[in-house]
Amino acid sequence: MLKLPEALTELNMSRAAFYRMRARGLGPRIVKLPNGQLRIRRADLDTWLADHEEAPAA
């Protein structure tokens, strides 16, 4: 499971942009730990990225 900063680095995205995207229901699934920290499963991030790839231009 990735910590949020690790996922943000991989996505090249700011924390604010990530939270805006999540608020609109567009972000990857997250796991909220009992201590309030967020984690993203590697498989969930990879699936989300694959679902949002653009088709290559012909």
N, C-alpha and C. Protein backbone atom coordinates (compact mmCIF):
# COMPACT_ATOMS: atom_id res chain seq x y z
N MET A 1 0.85 -1.17 0.00
CA MET A 1 0.00 0.00 0.00
C MET A 1 0.89 1.24 0.00
N LEU A 2 0.50 2.20 -0.80
CA LEU A 2 1.28 3.43 -0.95
C LEU A 2 0.78 4.50 0.01
N LYS A 3 1.72 5.23 0.57
CA LYS A 3 1.34 6.42 1.32
C LYS A 3 0.92 7.47 0.32
N LEU A 4 0.09 8.40 0.74
CA LEU A 4 -0.41 9.43 -0.16
C LEU A 4 0.71 10.20 -0.85
N PRO A 5 1.76 10.65 -0.14
CA PRO A 5 2.84 11.37 -0.84
C PRO A 5 3.51 10.53 -1.92
N GLU A 6 3.62 9.22 -1.70
CA GLU A 6 4.21 8.35 -2.71
C GLU A 6 3.34 8.30 -3.96
N ALA A 7 2.04 8.16 -3.76
CA ALA A 7 1.12 8.13 -4.90
C ALA A 7 1.11 9.47 -5.63
N LEU A 8 1.15 10.57 -4.87
CA LEU A 8 1.14 11.90 -5.49
C LEU A 8 2.40 12.12 -6.33
N THR A 9 3.52 11.63 -5.85
CA THR A 9 4.77 11.74 -6.62
C THR A 9 4.64 10.95 -7.92
N GLU A 10 4.10 9.76 -7.83
CA GLU A 10 3.94 8.93 -9.03
C GLU A 10 2.98 9.58 -10.03
N LEU A 11 1.93 10.22 -9.51
CA LEU A 11 0.95 10.86 -10.38
C LEU A 11 1.38 12.26 -10.82
N ASN A 12 2.45 12.77 -10.20
CA ASN A 12 2.90 14.15 -10.45
C ASN A 12 1.74 15.12 -10.22
N MET A 13 1.15 15.00 -9.03
CA MET A 13 -0.04 15.77 -8.70
C MET A 13 0.12 16.37 -7.31
N SER A 14 -0.42 17.56 -7.12
CA SER A 14 -0.38 18.18 -5.80
C SER A 14 -1.46 17.55 -4.91
N ARG A 15 -1.27 17.70 -3.62
CA ARG A 15 -2.25 17.19 -2.66
C ARG A 15 -3.60 17.86 -2.87
N ALA A 16 -3.58 19.18 -3.10
CA ALA A 16 -4.84 19.92 -3.30
C ALA A 16 -5.57 19.42 -4.54
N ALA A 17 -4.85 19.20 -5.63
CA ALA A 17 -5.48 18.69 -6.85
C ALA A 17 -6.05 17.30 -6.63
N PHE A 18 -5.34 16.48 -5.87
CA PHE A 18 -5.82 15.13 -5.58
C PHE A 18 -7.13 15.19 -4.79
N TYR A 19 -7.18 16.03 -3.77
CA TYR A 19 -8.39 16.14 -2.97
C TYR A 19 -9.56 16.72 -3.77
N ARG A 20 -9.28 17.66 -4.67
CA ARG A 20 -10.36 18.18 -5.54
C ARG A 20 -10.91 17.07 -6.43
N MET A 21 -10.01 16.27 -6.99
CA MET A 21 -10.42 15.16 -7.85
C MET A 21 -11.24 14.15 -7.04
N ARG A 22 -10.80 13.84 -5.83
CA ARG A 22 -11.53 12.90 -4.98
C ARG A 22 -12.91 13.44 -4.61
N ALA A 23 -13.00 14.76 -4.36
CA ALA A 23 -14.28 15.37 -4.00
C ALA A 23 -15.30 15.23 -5.13
N ARG A 24 -14.81 15.21 -6.36
CA ARG A 24 -15.69 15.02 -7.52
C ARG A 24 -15.95 13.56 -7.83
N GLY A 25 -15.38 12.66 -7.02
CA GLY A 25 -15.59 11.23 -7.22
C GLY A 25 -14.77 10.66 -8.35
N LEU A 26 -13.67 11.30 -8.70
CA LEU A 26 -12.88 10.88 -9.86
C LEU A 26 -11.55 10.22 -9.53
N GLY A 27 -11.21 10.15 -8.27
CA GLY A 27 -9.90 9.64 -7.90
C GLY A 27 -9.90 8.14 -7.67
N PRO A 28 -8.71 7.59 -7.44
CA PRO A 28 -8.61 6.16 -7.14
C PRO A 28 -9.17 5.86 -5.75
N ARG A 29 -9.49 4.60 -5.53
CA ARG A 29 -9.98 4.18 -4.20
C ARG A 29 -8.88 4.39 -3.18
N ILE A 30 -9.28 4.79 -2.00
CA ILE A 30 -8.32 4.98 -0.91
C ILE A 30 -8.75 4.16 0.29
N VAL A 31 -7.81 3.91 1.17
CA VAL A 31 -8.06 3.23 2.44
C VAL A 31 -7.71 4.23 3.53
N LYS A 32 -8.65 4.50 4.41
CA LYS A 32 -8.38 5.39 5.53
C LYS A 32 -8.08 4.54 6.76
N LEU A 33 -6.88 4.69 7.28
CA LEU A 33 -6.45 3.93 8.44
C LEU A 33 -7.09 4.50 9.71
N PRO A 34 -7.14 3.70 10.78
CA PRO A 34 -7.73 4.19 12.04
C PRO A 34 -7.07 5.46 12.57
N ASN A 35 -5.80 5.69 12.24
CA ASN A 35 -5.12 6.90 12.70
C ASN A 35 -5.37 8.10 11.78
N GLY A 36 -6.21 7.91 10.75
CA GLY A 36 -6.58 9.00 9.86
C GLY A 36 -5.71 9.11 8.62
N GLN A 37 -4.62 8.37 8.56
CA GLN A 37 -3.77 8.42 7.38
C GLN A 37 -4.43 7.70 6.22
N LEU A 38 -4.07 8.13 5.02
CA LEU A 38 -4.62 7.55 3.81
C LEU A 38 -3.59 6.66 3.13
N ARG A 39 -4.07 5.58 2.56
CA ARG A 39 -3.22 4.69 1.78
C ARG A 39 -3.96 4.36 0.49
N ILE A 40 -3.20 4.08 -0.53
CA ILE A 40 -3.77 3.65 -1.81
C ILE A 40 -3.13 2.32 -2.16
N ARG A 41 -3.96 1.33 -2.39
CA ARG A 41 -3.44 0.03 -2.79
C ARG A 41 -2.81 0.15 -4.17
N ARG A 42 -1.67 -0.49 -4.36
CA ARG A 42 -0.98 -0.47 -5.66
C ARG A 42 -1.91 -0.94 -6.76
N ALA A 43 -2.64 -2.02 -6.52
CA ALA A 43 -3.55 -2.56 -7.54
C ALA A 43 -4.65 -1.56 -7.88
N ASP A 44 -5.18 -0.85 -6.88
CA ASP A 44 -6.24 0.14 -7.14
C ASP A 44 -5.70 1.31 -7.95
N LEU A 45 -4.48 1.74 -7.65
CA LEU A 45 -3.89 2.85 -8.41
C LEU A 45 -3.61 2.42 -9.85
N ASP A 46 -3.07 1.21 -10.02
CA ASP A 46 -2.79 0.72 -11.37
C ASP A 46 -4.07 0.57 -12.19
N THR A 47 -5.12 0.06 -11.56
CA THR A 47 -6.42 -0.09 -12.25
C THR A 47 -6.98 1.27 -12.63
N TRP A 48 -6.92 2.21 -11.71
CA TRP A 48 -7.43 3.56 -11.97
C TRP A 48 -6.66 4.21 -13.12
N LEU A 49 -5.34 4.06 -13.11
CA LEU A 49 -4.53 4.64 -14.20
C LEU A 49 -4.89 4.01 -15.54
N ALA A 50 -5.04 2.69 -15.56
CA ALA A 50 -5.38 1.99 -16.80
C ALA A 50 -6.76 2.43 -17.32
N ASP A 51 -7.69 2.65 -16.41
CA ASP A 51 -9.03 3.08 -16.81
C ASP A 51 -9.05 4.50 -17.36
N HIS A 52 -8.02 5.29 -17.05
CA HIS A 52 -8.00 6.68 -17.47
C HIS A 52 -6.97 6.98 -18.55
N GLU A 53 -6.43 5.93 -19.15
CA GLU A 53 -5.50 6.15 -20.26
C GLU A 53 -6.28 6.59 -21.49
N GLU A 54 -5.65 7.47 -22.23
CA GLU A 54 -6.27 7.87 -23.50
C GLU A 54 -5.82 6.92 -24.59
N ALA A 55 -6.71 6.69 -25.51
CA ALA A 55 -6.37 5.84 -26.65
C ALA A 55 -5.31 6.56 -27.49
N PRO A 56 -4.33 5.83 -28.01
CA PRO A 56 -3.31 6.47 -28.84
C PRO A 56 -3.91 7.06 -30.12
N ALA A 57 -3.37 8.17 -30.54
CA ALA A 57 -3.86 8.81 -31.77
C ALA A 57 -3.53 7.94 -32.97
N ALA A 58 -4.45 7.89 -33.89
CA ALA A 58 -4.25 7.05 -35.08
C ALA A 58 -3.33 7.69 -36.07
